[in-house]
Amino acid sequence: MQDPASQVTDQILGAAIAVHRALGPGLLESAYEACLAYELHTCGIQFERQVPLPVQYRGVRIDCGYKLDLLVEGLVVVEVKAVERLLPVHQAQVLTYLKLSKHPVGLLLNFNVPLLRDGIRRFVLDPAP
């Protein structure tokens, strides 16, 4: 039996594949995010869009304008991209979002690829000892 985060990840990927099949590459990130949100909604999957992500610095909460594209079932952070290729900075962004939000799993989805499977990266934050 899969853990809850893996089950949610599978549901997100199914929804993302449906969106990519319908739209293909070439649109803005905001379009893919909105369509993915619609697909999640129609599948009955709980999510939040544009979730504020404050930075904790020296014990002080600082609102810097960072936002999670999607937080699905309170478990999985989804970062939507539509770029020529994923770069290390995109991966670092997701890992930092996981660390700041204290969520265990993240998906980086680049919709600007011919096959979506080539644009998927999954991250798991190691729990602190």
C-alpha atoms as a PDB file:
ATOM      1  CA  MET A   1       0.000   0.000   0.000  1.00  0.00           C
ATOM      2  CA  GLN A   2       1.284   3.444  -0.952  1.00  0.00           C
ATOM      3  CA  ASP A   3       1.889   6.168   1.570  1.00  0.00           C
ATOM      4  CA  PRO A   4      -0.567   9.118   1.377  1.00  0.00           C
ATOM      5  CA  ALA A   5       1.950  11.474  -0.287  1.00  0.00           C
ATOM      6  CA  SER A   6       2.649   8.934  -3.045  1.00  0.00           C
ATOM      7  CA  GLN A   7      -1.073   8.445  -3.662  1.00  0.00           C
ATOM      8  CA  VAL A   8      -1.555  12.217  -3.933  1.00  0.00           C
ATOM      9  CA  THR A   9       1.480  12.504  -6.213  1.00  0.00           C
ATOM     10  CA  ASP A  10       0.000   9.872  -8.530  1.00  0.00           C
ATOM     11  CA  GLN A  11      -3.306  11.777  -8.660  1.00  0.00           C
ATOM     12  CA  ILE A  12      -1.518  15.052  -9.441  1.00  0.00           C
ATOM     13  CA  LEU A  13       0.500  13.434 -12.216  1.00  0.00           C
ATOM     14  CA  GLY A  14      -2.648  11.950 -13.738  1.00  0.00           C
ATOM     15  CA  ALA A  15      -4.265  15.384 -13.749  1.00  0.00           C
ATOM     16  CA  ALA A  16      -1.115  17.012 -15.161  1.00  0.00           C
ATOM     17  CA  ILE A  17      -0.929  14.454 -17.965  1.00  0.00           C
ATOM     18  CA  ALA A  18      -4.570  15.155 -18.857  1.00  0.00           C
ATOM     19  CA  VAL A  19      -3.842  18.885 -19.029  1.00  0.00           C
ATOM     20  CA  HIS A  20      -0.702  18.385 -21.119  1.00  0.00           C
ATOM     21  CA  ARG A  21      -2.487  16.039 -23.534  1.00  0.00           C
ATOM     22  CA  ALA A  22      -5.229  18.610 -24.051  1.00  0.00           C
ATOM     23  CA  LEU A  23      -3.033  21.703 -24.359  1.00  0.00           C
ATOM     24  CA  GLY A  24       0.465  20.590 -25.321  1.00  0.00           C
ATOM     25  CA  PRO A  25       3.505  22.828 -24.803  1.00  0.00           C
ATOM     26  CA  GLY A  26       3.761  26.539 -25.570  1.00  0.00           C
ATOM     27  CA  LEU A  27       1.455  28.309 -23.114  1.00  0.00           C
ATOM     28  CA  LEU A  28       2.223  30.433 -20.072  1.00  0.00           C
ATOM     29  CA  GLU A  29       2.709  28.886 -16.636  1.00  0.00           C
ATOM     30  CA  SER A  30      -0.429  30.612 -15.401  1.00  0.00           C
ATOM     31  CA  ALA A  31      -2.548  28.795 -18.004  1.00  0.00           C
ATOM     32  CA  TYR A  32      -1.190  25.394 -16.997  1.00  0.00           C
ATOM     33  CA  GLU A  33      -1.637  26.188 -13.316  1.00  0.00           C
ATOM     34  CA  ALA A  34      -5.259  27.244 -13.840  1.00  0.00           C
ATOM     35  CA  CYS A  35      -6.046  24.193 -15.960  1.00  0.00           C
ATOM     36  CA  LEU A  36      -4.319  21.854 -13.505  1.00  0.00           C
ATOM     37  CA  ALA A  37      -6.362  23.408 -10.692  1.00  0.00           C
ATOM     38  CA  TYR A  38      -9.527  22.844 -12.719  1.00  0.00           C
ATOM     39  CA  GLU A  39      -8.557  19.221 -13.377  1.00  0.00           C
ATOM     40  CA  LEU A  40      -7.803  18.611  -9.692  1.00  0.00           C
ATOM     41  CA  HIS A  41     -11.159  20.152  -8.773  1.00  0.00           C
ATOM     42  CA  THR A  42     -13.080  17.974 -11.231  1.00  0.00           C
ATOM     43  CA  CYS A  43     -11.324  14.901  -9.775  1.00  0.00           C
ATOM     44  CA  GLY A  44     -12.392  15.883  -6.253  1.00  0.00           C
ATOM     45  CA  ILE A  45      -8.828  16.486  -5.079  1.00  0.00           C
ATOM     46  CA  GLN A  46      -8.393  19.179  -2.425  1.00  0.00           C
ATOM     47  CA  PHE A  47      -5.872  21.908  -3.181  1.00  0.00           C
ATOM     48  CA  GLU A  48      -5.006  25.531  -2.570  1.00  0.00           C
ATOM     49  CA  ARG A  49      -3.581  27.924  -5.166  1.00  0.00           C
ATOM     50  CA  GLN A  50      -0.991  30.635  -4.641  1.00  0.00           C
ATOM     51  CA  VAL A  51      -0.404  29.799  -0.974  1.00  0.00           C
ATOM     52  CA  PRO A  52       1.659  32.526   0.763  1.00  0.00           C
ATOM     53  CA  LEU A  53       5.059  31.289   1.905  1.00  0.00           C
ATOM     54  CA  PRO A  54       6.734  33.553   4.459  1.00  0.00           C
ATOM     55  CA  VAL A  55      10.440  33.337   5.232  1.00  0.00           C
ATOM     56  CA  GLN A  56      11.507  32.726   8.822  1.00  0.00           C
ATOM     57  CA  TYR A  57      14.645  34.743   9.477  1.00  0.00           C
ATOM     58  CA  ARG A  58      16.171  34.901  12.951  1.00  0.00           C
ATOM     59  CA  GLY A  59      12.867  33.920  14.472  1.00  0.00           C
ATOM     60  CA  VAL A  60      10.956  36.617  12.598  1.00  0.00           C
ATOM     61  CA  ARG A  61       8.313  35.918   9.972  1.00  0.00           C
ATOM     62  CA  ILE A  62       9.032  37.996   6.877  1.00  0.00           C
ATOM     63  CA  ASP A  63       6.483  38.123   4.078  1.00  0.00           C
ATOM     64  CA  CYS A  64       8.544  38.382   0.902  1.00  0.00           C
ATOM     65  CA  GLY A  65       5.862  37.607  -1.646  1.00  0.00           C
ATOM     66  CA  TYR A  66       6.769  33.949  -2.191  1.00  0.00           C
ATOM     67  CA  LYS A  67       3.838  31.689  -3.018  1.00  0.00           C
ATOM     68  CA  LEU A  68       3.376  27.985  -3.589  1.00  0.00           C
ATOM     69  CA  ASP A  69       1.705  27.475  -6.965  1.00  0.00           C
ATOM     70  CA  LEU A  70      -0.366  24.606  -5.567  1.00  0.00           C
ATOM     71  CA  LEU A  71      -0.564  22.774  -2.274  1.00  0.00           C
ATOM     72  CA  VAL A  72      -2.441  19.513  -2.823  1.00  0.00           C
ATOM     73  CA  GLU A  73      -4.191  17.655   0.002  1.00  0.00           C
ATOM     74  CA  GLY A  74      -2.014  19.591   2.459  1.00  0.00           C
ATOM     75  CA  LEU A  75       0.894  17.294   1.544  1.00  0.00           C
ATOM     76  CA  VAL A  76       2.392  17.966  -1.863  1.00  0.00           C
ATOM     77  CA  VAL A  77       3.836  21.254  -3.083  1.00  0.00           C
ATOM     78  CA  VAL A  78       3.485  21.674  -6.853  1.00  0.00           C
ATOM     79  CA  GLU A  79       5.625  24.168  -8.756  1.00  0.00           C
ATOM     80  CA  VAL A  80       4.447  24.736 -12.330  1.00  0.00           C
ATOM     81  CA  LYS A  81       6.898  25.789 -15.022  1.00  0.00           C
ATOM     82  CA  ALA A  82       6.723  26.374 -18.765  1.00  0.00           C
ATOM     83  CA  VAL A  83      10.398  26.779 -19.607  1.00  0.00           C
ATOM     84  CA  GLU A  84      12.718  25.546 -22.332  1.00  0.00           C
ATOM     85  CA  ARG A  85      14.447  23.261 -19.844  1.00  0.00           C
ATOM     86  CA  LEU A  86      14.535  22.769 -16.109  1.00  0.00           C
ATOM     87  CA  LEU A  87      17.599  24.251 -14.454  1.00  0.00           C
ATOM     88  CA  PRO A  88      19.233  23.537 -11.099  1.00  0.00           C
ATOM     89  CA  VAL A  89      17.744  26.799  -9.778  1.00  0.00           C
ATOM     90  CA  HIS A  90      14.232  25.418 -10.374  1.00  0.00           C
ATOM     91  CA  GLN A  91      15.069  22.321  -8.365  1.00  0.00           C
ATOM     92  CA  ALA A  92      16.611  24.448  -5.613  1.00  0.00           C
ATOM     93  CA  GLN A  93      13.427  26.528  -5.549  1.00  0.00           C
ATOM     94  CA  VAL A  94      11.255  23.478  -4.871  1.00  0.00           C
ATOM     95  CA  LEU A  95      13.611  22.150  -2.198  1.00  0.00           C
ATOM     96  CA  THR A  96      13.635  25.545  -0.487  1.00  0.00           C
ATOM     97  CA  TYR A  97       9.839  25.731  -0.654  1.00  0.00           C
ATOM     98  CA  LEU A  98       9.638  22.310   1.005  1.00  0.00           C
ATOM     99  CA  LYS A  99      12.042  23.375   3.723  1.00  0.00           C
ATOM    100  CA  LEU A 100      10.224  26.658   4.415  1.00  0.00           C
ATOM    101  CA  SER A 101       6.734  25.151   4.284  1.00  0.00           C
ATOM    102  CA  LYS A 102       7.685  21.952   6.115  1.00  0.00           C
ATOM    103  CA  HIS A 103       5.798  19.845   3.564  1.00  0.00           C
ATOM    104  CA  PRO A 104       7.351  16.466   2.770  1.00  0.00           C
ATOM    105  CA  VAL A 105       6.955  16.114  -0.997  1.00  0.00           C
ATOM    106  CA  GLY A 106       7.257  18.428  -3.977  1.00  0.00           C
ATOM    107  CA  LEU A 107       6.621  18.135  -7.686  1.00  0.00           C
ATOM    108  CA  LEU A 108       8.273  20.316 -10.283  1.00  0.00           C
ATOM    109  CA  LEU A 109       6.211  20.153 -13.476  1.00  0.00           C
ATOM    110  CA  ASN A 110       7.520  21.666 -16.707  1.00  0.00           C
ATOM    111  CA  PHE A 111       4.702  21.717 -19.252  1.00  0.00           C
ATOM    112  CA  ASN A 112       6.874  23.120 -22.063  1.00  0.00           C
ATOM    113  CA  VAL A 113       8.044  19.690 -23.254  1.00  0.00           C
ATOM    114  CA  PRO A 114       6.768  17.353 -25.987  1.00  0.00           C
ATOM    115  CA  LEU A 115       6.255  14.532 -23.440  1.00  0.00           C
ATOM    116  CA  LEU A 116       5.279  15.555 -19.921  1.00  0.00           C
ATOM    117  CA  ARG A 117       7.199  12.660 -18.373  1.00  0.00           C
ATOM    118  CA  ASP A 118      10.370  14.519 -19.445  1.00  0.00           C
ATOM    119  CA  GLY A 119       9.269  17.559 -17.435  1.00  0.00           C
ATOM    120  CA  ILE A 120       8.510  15.877 -14.102  1.00  0.00           C
ATOM    121  CA  ARG A 121      10.786  15.996 -11.056  1.00  0.00           C
ATOM    122  CA  ARG A 122       9.726  14.655  -7.653  1.00  0.00           C
ATOM    123  CA  PHE A 123      11.422  15.714  -4.439  1.00  0.00           C
ATOM    124  CA  VAL A 124      11.182  14.315  -0.939  1.00  0.00           C
ATOM    125  CA  LEU A 125      12.464  16.391   1.938  1.00  0.00           C
ATOM    126  CA  ASP A 126      14.481  14.313   4.363  1.00  0.00           C
ATOM    127  CA  PRO A 127      13.020  14.706   7.840  1.00  0.00           C
ATOM    128  CA  ALA A 128      15.330  16.523  10.230  1.00  0.00           C
ATOM    129  CA  PRO A 129      17.071  14.198  12.701  1.00  0.00           C
END
